[in-house]
C-alpha atoms as a PDB file:
ATOM      1  CA  MET A   1    -154.861-144.578 185.721  1.00  0.00           C
ATOM      2  CA  GLU A   2    -156.098-147.149 184.219  1.00  0.00           C
ATOM      3  CA  THR A   3    -156.045-148.123 180.378  1.00  0.00           C
ATOM      4  CA  VAL A   4    -157.716-150.974 178.281  1.00  0.00           C
ATOM      5  CA  THR A   5    -156.540-152.538 174.817  1.00  0.00           C
ATOM      6  CA  LEU A   6    -159.081-152.381 172.494  1.00  0.00           C
ATOM      7  CA  ILE A   7    -158.861-154.119 169.302  1.00  0.00           C
ATOM      8  CA  ASN A   8    -159.618-151.485 165.968  1.00  0.00           C
ATOM      9  CA  GLY A   9    -161.542-152.396 162.870  1.00  0.00           C
ATOM     10  CA  ASN A  10    -158.440-153.301 161.286  1.00  0.00           C
ATOM     11  CA  GLY A  11    -157.552-155.479 163.432  1.00  0.00           C
ATOM     12  CA  GLN A  12    -154.875-153.779 164.955  1.00  0.00           C
ATOM     13  CA  GLU A  13    -154.597-153.556 169.031  1.00  0.00           C
ATOM     14  CA  TYR A  14    -154.867-149.679 170.642  1.00  0.00           C
ATOM     15  CA  THR A  15    -154.669-148.203 174.518  1.00  0.00           C
ATOM     16  CA  GLN A  16    -156.826-146.135 175.538  1.00  0.00           C
ATOM     17  CA  GLU A  17    -157.596-144.455 179.294  1.00  0.00           C
ATOM     18  CA  MET A  18    -161.003-144.473 181.116  1.00  0.00           C
ATOM     19  CA  PRO A  19    -163.339-142.294 179.185  1.00  0.00           C
ATOM     20  CA  LYS A  20    -164.952-139.089 180.490  1.00  0.00           C
ATOM     21  CA  ILE A  21    -168.365-140.404 181.377  1.00  0.00           C
ATOM     22  CA  VAL A  22    -170.982-137.262 180.747  1.00  0.00           C
ATOM     23  CA  VAL A  23    -174.869-138.008 181.739  1.00  0.00           C
ATOM     24  CA  LEU A  24    -177.209-135.881 179.323  1.00  0.00           C
ATOM     25  CA  THR A  25    -179.383-134.538 181.636  1.00  0.00           C
ATOM     26  CA  LYS A  26    -180.844-131.102 183.185  1.00  0.00           C
ATOM     27  CA  HIS A  27    -180.830-132.012 186.663  1.00  0.00           C
ATOM     28  CA  ILE A  28    -179.755-135.116 188.647  1.00  0.00           C
ATOM     29  CA  ASN A  29    -180.782-134.411 192.439  1.00  0.00           C
ATOM     30  CA  ASP A  30    -178.376-134.429 195.281  1.00  0.00           C
ATOM     31  CA  VAL A  31    -179.431-137.427 196.520  1.00  0.00           C
ATOM     32  CA  ALA A  32    -178.620-138.860 193.365  1.00  0.00           C
ATOM     33  CA  LEU A  33    -175.315-137.664 192.847  1.00  0.00           C
ATOM     34  CA  ALA A  34    -174.273-139.168 196.643  1.00  0.00           C
ATOM     35  CA  HIS A  35    -175.542-142.359 195.855  1.00  0.00           C
ATOM     36  CA  ILE A  36    -173.579-142.590 192.815  1.00  0.00           C
ATOM     37  CA  LYS A  37    -170.952-141.290 194.670  1.00  0.00           C
ATOM     38  CA  GLU A  38    -171.334-143.568 197.534  1.00  0.00           C
ATOM     39  CA  ASN A  39    -171.368-146.786 194.752  1.00  0.00           C
ATOM     40  CA  THR A  40    -168.670-145.800 192.366  1.00  0.00           C
ATOM     41  CA  GLY A  41    -166.814-143.134 193.869  1.00  0.00           C
ATOM     42  CA  LEU A  42    -166.901-140.727 190.796  1.00  0.00           C
ATOM     43  CA  SER A  43    -168.080-137.132 191.610  1.00  0.00           C
ATOM     44  CA  PHE A  44    -170.619-135.651 188.964  1.00  0.00           C
ATOM     45  CA  VAL A  45    -170.054-132.312 188.305  1.00  0.00           C
ATOM     46  CA  LYS A  46    -172.881-130.127 186.726  1.00  0.00           C
ATOM     47  CA  THR A  47    -171.748-128.950 183.021  1.00  0.00           C
ATOM     48  CA  TYR A  48    -173.417-127.380 179.690  1.00  0.00           C
ATOM     49  CA  TRP A  49    -174.268-130.661 178.500  1.00  0.00           C
ATOM     50  CA  GLY A  50    -175.008-132.591 181.570  1.00  0.00           C
ATOM     51  CA  TYR A  51    -173.134-133.461 184.399  1.00  0.00           C
ATOM     52  CA  LYS A  52    -169.126-135.467 183.884  1.00  0.00           C
ATOM     53  CA  ALA A  53    -167.198-137.451 185.724  1.00  0.00           C
ATOM     54  CA  GLN A  54    -163.272-138.420 184.895  1.00  0.00           C
ATOM     55  CA  PRO A  55    -163.246-142.238 186.035  1.00  0.00           C
ATOM     56  CA  THR A  56    -159.659-143.619 187.315  1.00  0.00           C
ATOM     57  CA  LYS A  57    -160.767-147.596 186.997  1.00  0.00           C
ATOM     58  CA  SER A  58    -163.061-149.532 184.657  1.00  0.00           C
ATOM     59  CA  ALA A  59    -164.508-150.757 187.756  1.00  0.00           C
ATOM     60  CA  GLN A  60    -166.028-147.102 188.316  1.00  0.00           C
ATOM     61  CA  ILE A  61    -167.857-147.641 185.105  1.00  0.00           C
ATOM     62  CA  ALA A  62    -169.241-150.830 185.651  1.00  0.00           C
ATOM     63  CA  ALA A  63    -170.560-150.374 189.395  1.00  0.00           C
ATOM     64  CA  LEU A  64    -172.456-147.049 187.353  1.00  0.00           C
ATOM     65  CA  LEU A  65    -173.748-149.080 184.697  1.00  0.00           C
ATOM     66  CA  LEU A  66    -174.832-151.442 187.442  1.00  0.00           C
ATOM     67  CA  THR A  67    -176.296-148.853 189.762  1.00  0.00           C
ATOM     68  CA  TYR A  68    -178.449-147.270 187.090  1.00  0.00           C
ATOM     69  CA  ASN A  69    -179.696-148.009 184.014  1.00  0.00           C
ATOM     70  CA  TYR A  70    -178.578-145.686 181.154  1.00  0.00           C
ATOM     71  CA  LYS A  71    -178.619-146.309 177.361  1.00  0.00           C
ATOM     72  CA  THR A  72    -175.174-145.473 176.447  1.00  0.00           C
ATOM     73  CA  LYS A  73    -172.870-143.994 173.159  1.00  0.00           C
ATOM     74  CA  TYR A  74    -169.193-143.625 172.749  1.00  0.00           C
ATOM     75  CA  HIS A  75    -167.190-141.213 170.980  1.00  0.00           C
ATOM     76  CA  ASN A  76    -163.899-140.977 170.071  1.00  0.00           C
ATOM     77  CA  ASN A  77    -163.536-138.389 167.562  1.00  0.00           C
ATOM     78  CA  LEU A  78    -162.789-135.119 166.732  1.00  0.00           C
ATOM     79  CA  ASP A  79    -165.255-133.658 169.319  1.00  0.00           C
ATOM     80  CA  HIS A  80    -165.373-135.749 171.632  1.00  0.00           C
ATOM     81  CA  LYS A  81    -162.392-137.698 172.201  1.00  0.00           C
ATOM     82  CA  ASN A  82    -163.064-140.500 174.469  1.00  0.00           C
ATOM     83  CA  THR A  83    -166.070-140.005 176.068  1.00  0.00           C
ATOM     84  CA  LEU A  84    -168.591-142.422 177.210  1.00  0.00           C
ATOM     85  CA  PHE A  85    -172.362-140.083 176.920  1.00  0.00           C
ATOM     86  CA  LEU A  86    -175.168-141.988 179.570  1.00  0.00           C
ATOM     87  CA  LYS A  87    -178.822-141.012 179.355  1.00  0.00           C
ATOM     88  CA  SER A  88    -181.348-142.104 181.364  1.00  0.00           C
ATOM     89  CA  ASP A  89    -183.712-145.139 180.022  1.00  0.00           C
ATOM     90  CA  HIS A  90    -186.943-144.321 181.769  1.00  0.00           C
ATOM     91  CA  HIS A  91    -187.569-147.879 181.851  1.00  0.00           C
ATOM     92  CA  ILE A  92    -188.847-147.738 178.391  1.00  0.00           C
ATOM     93  CA  GLY A  93    -186.326-147.394 175.380  1.00  0.00           C
ATOM     94  CA  PHE A  94    -185.052-151.299 176.208  1.00  0.00           C
ATOM     95  CA  LYS A  95    -188.014-153.101 175.930  1.00  0.00           C
ATOM     96  CA  VAL A  96    -188.793-151.236 172.396  1.00  0.00           C
ATOM     97  CA  ASP A  97    -188.015-153.104 169.191  1.00  0.00           C
ATOM     98  CA  SER A  98    -189.597-150.332 167.142  1.00  0.00           C
ATOM     99  CA  ILE A  99    -191.163-146.851 166.451  1.00  0.00           C
ATOM    100  CA  CYS A 100    -193.735-145.315 164.563  1.00  0.00           C
ATOM    101  CA  TYR A 101    -193.173-142.817 161.464  1.00  0.00           C
ATOM    102  CA  ASP A 102    -194.975-140.582 163.898  1.00  0.00           C
ATOM    103  CA  CYS A 103    -193.025-140.809 166.701  1.00  0.00           C
ATOM    104  CA  CYS A 104    -189.632-140.412 164.549  1.00  0.00           C
ATOM    105  CA  LYS A 105    -191.174-137.233 163.333  1.00  0.00           C
ATOM    106  CA  GLU A 106    -191.949-136.339 166.734  1.00  0.00           C
ATOM    107  CA  ASN A 107    -188.332-136.948 167.850  1.00  0.00           C
ATOM    108  CA  HIS A 108    -186.899-135.352 164.908  1.00  0.00           C
ATOM    109  CA  LEU A 109    -185.104-138.692 163.834  1.00  0.00           C
ATOM    110  CA  HIS A 110    -183.933-138.965 159.641  1.00  0.00           C
ATOM    111  CA  LEU A 111    -186.663-140.519 158.045  1.00  0.00           C
ATOM    112  CA  GLY A 112    -185.110-142.314 155.769  1.00  0.00           C
ATOM    113  CA  GLY A 113    -187.561-142.863 153.515  1.00  0.00           C
ATOM    114  CA  LEU A 114    -189.557-143.912 156.096  1.00  0.00           C
ATOM    115  CA  GLU A 115    -193.059-143.611 154.530  1.00  0.00           C
ATOM    116  CA  PRO A 116    -196.184-143.023 157.202  1.00  0.00           C
ATOM    117  CA  GLY A 117    -197.535-146.610 158.664  1.00  0.00           C
ATOM    118  CA  ALA A 118    -194.010-147.886 158.424  1.00  0.00           C
ATOM    119  CA  ARG A 119    -192.194-148.474 161.598  1.00  0.00           C
ATOM    120  CA  LEU A 120    -188.425-147.878 162.616  1.00  0.00           C
ATOM    121  CA  ALA A 121    -186.553-150.757 164.126  1.00  0.00           C
ATOM    122  CA  CYS A 122    -184.331-149.420 167.507  1.00  0.00           C
END
């Protein structure tokens, strides 16, 4: 498996294998799964969280991100070791610069003192 060398917040190099990828969704249709496999070589399998795959090369991750628009969140902690979480962007998230108080409440986001009428930067 390919590895990548990164630099941590203390300026020290460390090496990681390719992260496990988890797509957070209830369903990906068979046509989309076949399209992903054709473009990336990744075979996603259904799990409790969504769909997971283990890339062996960074080119597979790059091809996936260039094939579909995903929001990303990387975790490397006690609960989720070296895991890249992906969530569909639905063509909206990238274009949003801020959201209103009511949207934050509706989506169960921490308000952190945000008052009605105020906006949260994304």
